[in-house]
Amino acid sequence: MTQRRDFIKLSLAFVLAGMAMASLAQPAVTLLNVSYDPTRELYVEVNAAFSKHWKSRTGQNLTLQQSHGGSGKQARSIIDGLDADVATLALAGDTDALHKNGGWIPKDWQKRLPLNSSPYTSTIVLVVRQGNPKGIKDWDDLIRPDVKVITPNPKTSGGARWNYLAAWEFAKRKYGSEAKAKEFVATLYSNVPVLDTGARGSSVTFAQRAQGDVFISWENEAYLLEKEFGNKVDFIYPSLSILAEPAVTIVDKNVDRKGTRAVAQAYLEFLYTEEAQDIIGKHFYRPTSAKAQARYAKQFPKLNLFRIEDAFGGWDQAARLHFADGGTFDQIYSRR
């Protein structure tokens, strides 16, 4: 009996030693997610959930790092050598730059995941002071001389580009021409006292520094401001806005060099799972799964939204016309 107990103890010791060796054989891995400004809180929770999922699946410890800033600026940082494993930027146009400037990703990157690699959507809304003292109801109120507008710089911020294009399309439809739209947007930007580099910077300018009468904002950022400054801000859905479809990709050159392709791919696929879709809805982004959409239906009203492909012919065309050096934004803003 004693020999049997000793044998069991010895066997258990070998099992534990084997588990320890297996653990040592699975070195910890680190991933860097380079994202845009308002996704900080979202990815804190997503990263914790995926790290737990990856550990249970593989036994491997995973450290997920985050980098946030204006979407265009973040794309430039990757091109300049920031060691991103995944890019989760505000718009596909910024992600396309990773292909055009150094071939960091393939041209067809957007076909590698469902829904054009967009695991969630969002839109643009208008955040005002509590009680809406300026009586702002729609985009055309933003060109009044008594209204100061807070919005980021579309040269560096993806969110700012969505803002700009939403205002442009509203004016084009209301006033009937591209020329009138250009005049409208020029007047709007003449009411902007400061252009921050990213959406979170503009959020701080509006909510904490108390500048401006209205903040053109991501929908999720508006909810976060309402949650944090509920007694100071309200937000309004305009009559027309844009369907924002932020897209995600692995950064091929980096993951292949670092040997992190499998975990980076699994990380992005995780964003489409029901667990992650629930986190997405909780953080006020619009989920894409039917179950999560039903769960958060009361939170997200149905809106009159247009797609960039329909109004502007896609991001390439919009970027060339409006945001390239010498484009319409430079033309209207250089007049100030």
Protein backbone atom coordinates (compact mmCIF):
# COMPACT_ATOMS: atom_id res chain seq x y z
CA MET A 1 0.00 0.00 0.00
CA THR A 2 2.86 2.30 0.90
CA GLN A 3 4.57 1.49 -2.39
CA ARG A 4 1.35 2.31 -4.28
CA ARG A 5 1.04 5.68 -2.53
CA ASP A 6 4.67 6.41 -3.33
CA PHE A 7 4.05 5.43 -6.95
CA ILE A 8 1.01 7.74 -7.19
CA LYS A 9 2.99 10.59 -5.66
CA LEU A 10 5.82 9.99 -8.09
CA SER A 11 3.43 9.81 -11.05
CA LEU A 12 1.77 13.06 -9.94
CA ALA A 13 5.15 14.69 -9.66
CA PHE A 14 5.97 13.65 -13.23
CA VAL A 15 2.60 14.98 -14.45
CA LEU A 16 3.15 18.32 -12.73
CA ALA A 17 6.68 18.50 -14.06
CA GLY A 18 5.37 17.77 -17.54
CA MET A 19 2.77 20.50 -17.23
CA ALA A 20 5.44 22.91 -16.08
CA MET A 21 7.64 21.97 -19.02
CA ALA A 22 4.71 22.38 -21.41
CA SER A 23 4.09 25.80 -19.95
CA LEU A 24 7.75 26.67 -20.45
CA ALA A 25 7.49 25.43 -24.02
CA GLN A 26 4.77 28.01 -24.65
CA PRO A 27 6.58 31.34 -24.23
CA ALA A 28 4.45 34.39 -23.56
CA VAL A 29 3.56 36.42 -26.63
CA THR A 30 2.87 40.15 -26.97
CA LEU A 31 0.59 41.79 -29.53
CA LEU A 32 0.33 45.52 -30.30
CA ASN A 33 -3.05 46.83 -31.46
CA VAL A 34 -2.67 50.25 -33.08
CA SER A 35 -6.07 51.91 -33.04
CA TYR A 36 -7.79 55.27 -33.18
CA ASP A 37 -8.72 57.63 -30.39
CA PRO A 38 -12.12 56.63 -28.93
CA THR A 39 -11.52 52.85 -28.80
CA ARG A 40 -9.36 52.86 -25.65
CA GLU A 41 -12.05 51.61 -23.28
CA LEU A 42 -13.42 49.14 -25.83
CA TYR A 43 -10.12 47.37 -26.34
CA VAL A 44 -9.26 47.26 -22.66
CA GLU A 45 -12.23 44.92 -22.19
CA VAL A 46 -11.83 43.08 -25.49
CA ASN A 47 -8.16 42.44 -24.73
CA ALA A 48 -8.90 41.02 -21.29
CA ALA A 49 -11.53 38.68 -22.73
CA PHE A 50 -9.35 37.51 -25.61
CA SER A 51 -6.29 36.96 -23.39
CA LYS A 52 -8.39 34.66 -21.21
CA HIS A 53 -9.76 32.89 -24.28
CA TRP A 54 -6.28 32.41 -25.79
CA LYS A 55 -4.84 31.11 -22.51
CA SER A 56 -7.60 28.52 -22.14
CA ARG A 57 -7.20 27.45 -25.76
CA THR A 58 -3.41 27.27 -26.00
CA GLY A 59 -1.99 27.52 -22.48
CA GLN A 60 0.00 30.52 -23.66
CA ASN A 61 0.15 33.79 -21.76
CA LEU A 62 -0.69 36.77 -23.93
CA THR A 63 0.03 40.45 -23.36
CA LEU A 64 -2.02 42.85 -25.47
CA GLN A 65 -0.72 46.38 -25.81
CA GLN A 66 -2.71 49.34 -27.13
CA SER A 67 -1.74 52.50 -28.99
CA HIS A 68 -4.29 55.25 -29.66
CA GLY A 69 -4.35 58.55 -31.53
CA GLY A 70 -5.77 60.21 -34.60
CA SER A 71 -6.40 57.47 -37.17
CA GLY A 72 -4.39 59.02 -40.00
CA LYS A 73 -1.53 59.76 -37.64
CA GLN A 74 -1.60 56.16 -36.38
CA ALA A 75 -1.43 54.83 -39.93
CA ARG A 76 1.60 57.03 -40.56
CA SER A 77 3.22 55.70 -37.36
CA ILE A 78 2.90 52.10 -38.63
CA ILE A 79 4.33 53.10 -42.00
CA ASP A 80 7.22 54.79 -40.18
CA GLY A 81 7.97 51.63 -38.18
CA LEU A 82 5.59 51.33 -35.21
CA ASP A 83 5.60 47.56 -34.60
CA ALA A 84 1.86 46.92 -34.91
CA ASP A 85 0.56 43.35 -35.14
CA VAL A 86 -2.96 44.57 -35.89
CA ALA A 87 -4.35 47.87 -37.08
CA THR A 88 -7.90 48.75 -36.02
CA LEU A 89 -8.20 52.19 -37.57
CA ALA A 90 -11.18 54.51 -37.98
CA LEU A 91 -11.60 54.15 -41.71
CA ALA A 92 -10.58 51.85 -44.52
CA GLY A 93 -8.83 54.72 -46.28
CA ASP A 94 -6.27 54.99 -43.49
CA THR A 95 -5.75 51.23 -43.59
CA ASP A 96 -5.31 51.32 -47.37
CA ALA A 97 -2.35 53.62 -46.79
CA LEU A 98 -0.53 50.67 -45.19
CA HIS A 99 -0.64 48.90 -48.53
CA LYS A 100 0.20 51.92 -50.66
CA ASN A 101 3.13 53.03 -48.50
CA GLY A 102 5.43 50.07 -48.09
CA GLY A 103 3.20 47.07 -48.76
CA TRP A 104 2.61 46.35 -45.07
CA ILE A 105 -0.65 44.60 -46.01
CA PRO A 106 -1.95 43.17 -49.31
CA LYS A 107 -4.22 45.18 -51.58
CA ASP A 108 -7.18 42.86 -50.92
CA TRP A 109 -6.84 43.04 -47.10
CA GLN A 110 -10.48 43.98 -46.65
CA LYS A 111 -11.66 40.65 -48.11
CA ARG A 112 -9.98 38.56 -45.41
CA LEU A 113 -12.64 38.98 -42.72
CA PRO A 114 -16.45 39.19 -42.82
CA LEU A 115 -18.32 42.38 -43.65
CA ASN A 116 -15.35 43.98 -45.41
CA SER A 117 -13.32 43.47 -42.23
CA SER A 118 -15.63 45.73 -40.20
CA PRO A 119 -16.76 43.93 -37.02
CA TYR A 120 -18.87 46.90 -35.88
CA THR A 121 -20.24 50.20 -37.20
CA SER A 122 -20.90 53.64 -35.80
CA THR A 123 -22.10 57.06 -36.92
CA ILE A 124 -21.66 60.77 -36.26
CA VAL A 125 -23.82 62.80 -33.86
CA LEU A 126 -23.88 66.30 -32.36
CA VAL A 127 -23.03 66.77 -28.68
CA VAL A 128 -24.32 69.98 -27.08
CA ARG A 129 -24.34 71.59 -23.67
CA GLN A 130 -27.06 70.39 -21.31
CA GLY A 131 -30.42 71.84 -22.20
CA ASN A 132 -29.11 72.75 -25.66
CA PRO A 133 -28.92 76.50 -24.95
CA LYS A 134 -28.12 77.35 -28.58
CA GLY A 135 -31.10 75.36 -29.86
CA ILE A 136 -29.01 73.21 -32.19
CA LYS A 137 -31.12 70.70 -34.11
CA ASP A 138 -29.24 69.80 -37.28
CA TRP A 139 -26.13 70.39 -39.37
CA ASP A 140 -27.29 73.76 -40.68
CA ASP A 141 -27.23 75.21 -37.16
CA LEU A 142 -23.45 74.68 -37.14
CA ILE A 143 -22.88 77.50 -39.64
CA ARG A 144 -24.63 80.13 -37.54
CA PRO A 145 -22.26 82.94 -36.47
CA ASP A 146 -23.14 82.47 -32.79
CA VAL A 147 -22.15 78.75 -32.72
CA LYS A 148 -18.62 77.53 -31.99
CA VAL A 149 -17.92 74.00 -33.29
CA ILE A 150 -15.43 71.46 -31.91
CA THR A 151 -14.16 68.81 -34.33
CA PRO A 152 -10.73 67.26 -34.92
CA ASN A 153 -8.41 67.85 -37.85
CA PRO A 154 -9.34 65.69 -40.89
CA LYS A 155 -5.68 65.67 -41.94
CA THR A 156 -4.83 63.53 -38.90
CA SER A 157 -8.11 62.09 -37.57
CA GLY A 158 -10.28 59.44 -39.20
CA GLY A 159 -13.26 60.48 -37.11
CA ALA A 160 -12.84 64.03 -38.36
CA ARG A 161 -13.10 62.78 -41.94
CA TRP A 162 -16.38 61.06 -41.18
CA ASN A 163 -17.55 64.38 -39.60
CA TYR A 164 -16.51 66.41 -42.62
CA LEU A 165 -18.11 64.09 -45.16
CA ALA A 166 -21.36 63.85 -43.18
CA ALA A 167 -21.64 67.65 -43.14
CA TRP A 168 -20.73 67.87 -46.84
CA GLU A 169 -23.35 65.36 -47.95
CA PHE A 170 -26.03 67.02 -45.81
CA ALA A 171 -25.32 70.37 -47.44
CA LYS A 172 -25.13 68.90 -50.94
CA ARG A 173 -28.55 67.30 -50.54
CA LYS A 174 -30.13 70.33 -48.88
CA TYR A 175 -28.66 73.08 -51.04
CA GLY A 176 -28.37 71.16 -54.31
CA SER A 177 -24.76 71.34 -55.47
CA GLU A 178 -21.12 70.57 -54.72
CA ALA A 179 -20.36 74.29 -54.80
CA LYS A 180 -22.97 74.98 -52.12
CA ALA A 181 -21.65 72.06 -50.06
CA LYS A 182 -18.13 73.49 -50.24
CA GLU A 183 -19.39 76.89 -49.14
CA PHE A 184 -21.33 75.30 -46.28
CA VAL A 185 -18.37 73.29 -44.98
CA ALA A 186 -16.08 76.32 -45.30
CA THR A 187 -18.46 78.33 -43.11
CA LEU A 188 -18.68 75.47 -40.62
CA TYR A 189 -14.89 75.28 -40.27
CA SER A 190 -14.69 79.04 -39.84
CA ASN A 191 -16.63 78.39 -36.62
CA VAL A 192 -14.02 75.89 -35.34
CA PRO A 193 -11.71 77.59 -32.81
CA VAL A 194 -9.22 74.71 -32.50
CA LEU A 195 -8.46 71.55 -34.48
CA ASP A 196 -7.21 68.75 -32.22
CA THR A 197 -5.30 65.89 -33.85
CA GLY A 198 -7.79 63.22 -32.74
CA ALA A 199 -11.36 62.64 -31.56
CA ARG A 200 -10.44 62.09 -27.92
CA GLY A 201 -8.54 65.39 -27.86
CA SER A 202 -11.62 67.19 -29.18
CA SER A 203 -13.74 65.41 -26.59
CA VAL A 204 -11.46 66.76 -23.85
CA THR A 205 -11.55 70.24 -25.41
CA PHE A 206 -15.35 70.25 -25.37
CA ALA A 207 -16.19 68.45 -22.13
CA GLN A 208 -13.29 69.24 -19.81
CA ARG A 209 -11.99 72.54 -21.16
CA ALA A 210 -15.55 73.76 -21.86
CA GLN A 211 -14.77 75.17 -25.30
CA GLY A 212 -17.40 75.32 -28.01
CA ASP A 213 -21.17 75.00 -28.21
CA VAL A 214 -21.33 71.73 -30.15
CA PHE A 215 -18.95 68.80 -30.60
CA ILE A 216 -19.20 66.72 -33.79
CA SER A 217 -18.65 63.28 -32.31
CA TRP A 218 -18.59 59.54 -32.80
CA GLU A 219 -21.82 58.09 -31.42
CA ASN A 220 -19.94 55.96 -28.89
CA GLU A 221 -17.95 58.97 -27.66
CA ALA A 222 -21.20 60.90 -27.19
CA TYR A 223 -22.53 58.09 -24.99
CA LEU A 224 -19.30 58.08 -22.97
CA LEU A 225 -19.53 61.84 -22.43
CA GLU A 226 -23.16 61.50 -21.37
CA LYS A 227 -22.12 58.76 -18.95
CA GLU A 228 -19.28 60.82 -17.46
CA PHE A 229 -20.72 64.35 -17.73
CA GLY A 230 -24.43 63.56 -17.70
CA ASN A 231 -25.34 66.80 -15.98
CA LYS A 232 -23.38 68.88 -18.50
CA VAL A 233 -24.03 67.47 -21.99
CA ASP A 234 -26.77 66.18 -24.26
CA PHE A 235 -26.51 64.79 -27.77
CA ILE A 236 -28.61 65.03 -30.88
CA TYR A 237 -29.03 62.78 -33.90
CA PRO A 238 -28.97 64.93 -37.05
CA SER A 239 -31.46 64.37 -39.87
CA LEU A 240 -28.76 62.75 -42.00
CA SER A 241 -25.49 61.12 -41.00
CA ILE A 242 -22.90 58.71 -42.34
CA LEU A 243 -22.56 54.98 -41.77
CA ALA A 244 -19.06 54.67 -40.32
CA GLU A 245 -17.48 51.26 -40.90
CA PRO A 246 -14.12 51.05 -39.11
CA ALA A 247 -12.10 48.14 -40.46
CA VAL A 248 -9.44 45.88 -38.96
CA THR A 249 -6.43 44.00 -40.33
CA ILE A 250 -3.32 42.15 -39.34
CA VAL A 251 -0.12 43.95 -40.37
CA ASP A 252 1.41 41.21 -42.49
CA LYS A 253 5.01 42.34 -42.62
CA ASN A 254 5.17 42.63 -38.84
CA VAL A 255 3.36 39.43 -37.87
CA ASP A 256 5.40 37.36 -40.29
CA ARG A 257 8.65 38.79 -39.00
CA LYS A 258 7.60 38.36 -35.35
CA GLY A 259 5.88 34.98 -35.76
CA THR A 260 2.57 36.30 -34.40
CA ARG A 261 0.29 35.74 -37.39
CA ALA A 262 -1.79 32.95 -35.79
CA VAL A 263 -2.58 34.84 -32.59
CA ALA A 264 -3.15 38.12 -34.44
CA GLN A 265 -5.59 36.43 -36.82
CA ALA A 266 -7.39 34.76 -33.91
CA TYR A 267 -7.61 38.13 -32.15
CA LEU A 268 -9.37 39.78 -35.08
CA GLU A 269 -11.67 36.78 -35.61
CA PHE A 270 -12.60 37.01 -31.93
CA LEU A 271 -14.12 40.45 -32.60
CA TYR A 272 -16.92 38.70 -34.53
CA THR A 273 -17.82 36.28 -31.71
CA GLU A 274 -20.92 36.83 -29.61
CA GLU A 275 -18.75 37.51 -26.55
CA ALA A 276 -16.91 40.33 -28.29
CA GLN A 277 -20.04 41.62 -30.01
CA ASP A 278 -21.64 42.03 -26.60
CA ILE A 279 -18.60 44.01 -25.41
CA ILE A 280 -18.83 46.15 -28.55
CA GLY A 281 -22.47 47.00 -27.83
CA LYS A 282 -21.69 47.67 -24.17
CA HIS A 283 -19.16 50.28 -25.28
CA PHE A 284 -21.72 51.99 -27.52
CA TYR A 285 -20.49 50.77 -30.89
CA ARG A 286 -23.08 49.20 -33.17
CA PRO A 287 -22.53 45.42 -33.27
CA THR A 288 -22.92 43.48 -36.50
CA SER A 289 -24.23 40.14 -35.18
CA ALA A 290 -28.01 39.72 -35.22
CA LYS A 291 -28.13 38.62 -31.58
CA ALA A 292 -26.16 41.59 -30.32
CA GLN A 293 -28.12 43.98 -32.52
CA ALA A 294 -31.35 42.70 -30.98
CA ARG A 295 -29.88 42.97 -27.49
CA TYR A 296 -28.90 46.61 -27.99
CA ALA A 297 -31.78 47.69 -30.25
CA LYS A 298 -33.15 50.20 -27.72
CA GLN A 299 -29.74 51.82 -27.39
CA PHE A 300 -29.31 52.49 -31.10
CA PRO A 301 -32.18 54.19 -32.92
CA LYS A 302 -32.67 53.61 -36.62
CA LEU A 303 -31.22 56.55 -38.54
CA ASN A 304 -31.09 58.05 -42.00
CA LEU A 305 -27.54 57.01 -42.90
CA PHE A 306 -25.64 57.06 -46.18
CA ARG A 307 -22.58 55.02 -47.17
CA ILE A 308 -19.38 56.61 -48.39
CA GLU A 309 -19.38 54.43 -51.51
CA ASP A 310 -22.78 55.78 -52.53
CA ALA A 311 -22.11 59.46 -51.84
CA PHE A 312 -18.39 59.82 -52.59
CA GLY A 313 -17.39 56.77 -54.64
CA GLY A 314 -15.35 55.23 -51.81
CA TRP A 315 -12.43 56.32 -49.68
CA ASP A 316 -9.86 56.64 -52.46
CA GLN A 317 -11.95 59.16 -54.32
CA ALA A 318 -13.01 61.02 -51.16
CA ALA A 319 -9.42 61.25 -49.92
CA ARG A 320 -8.08 62.55 -53.25
CA LEU A 321 -10.77 65.19 -53.58
CA HIS A 322 -11.08 66.36 -49.99
CA PHE A 323 -8.09 65.43 -47.83
CA ALA A 324 -5.02 65.23 -50.08
CA ASP A 325 -2.63 68.16 -50.05
CA GLY A 326 -4.34 70.96 -51.94
CA GLY A 327 -7.74 69.26 -51.70
CA THR A 328 -10.98 70.94 -50.68
CA PHE A 329 -10.20 70.90 -46.97
CA ASP A 330 -6.91 72.72 -47.54
CA GLN A 331 -8.69 75.16 -49.83
CA ILE A 332 -11.41 76.08 -47.37
CA TYR A 333 -9.27 76.04 -44.23
CA SER A 334 -6.37 78.03 -45.66
CA ARG A 335 -8.74 80.97 -46.12
CA ARG A 336 -8.90 81.53 -42.36
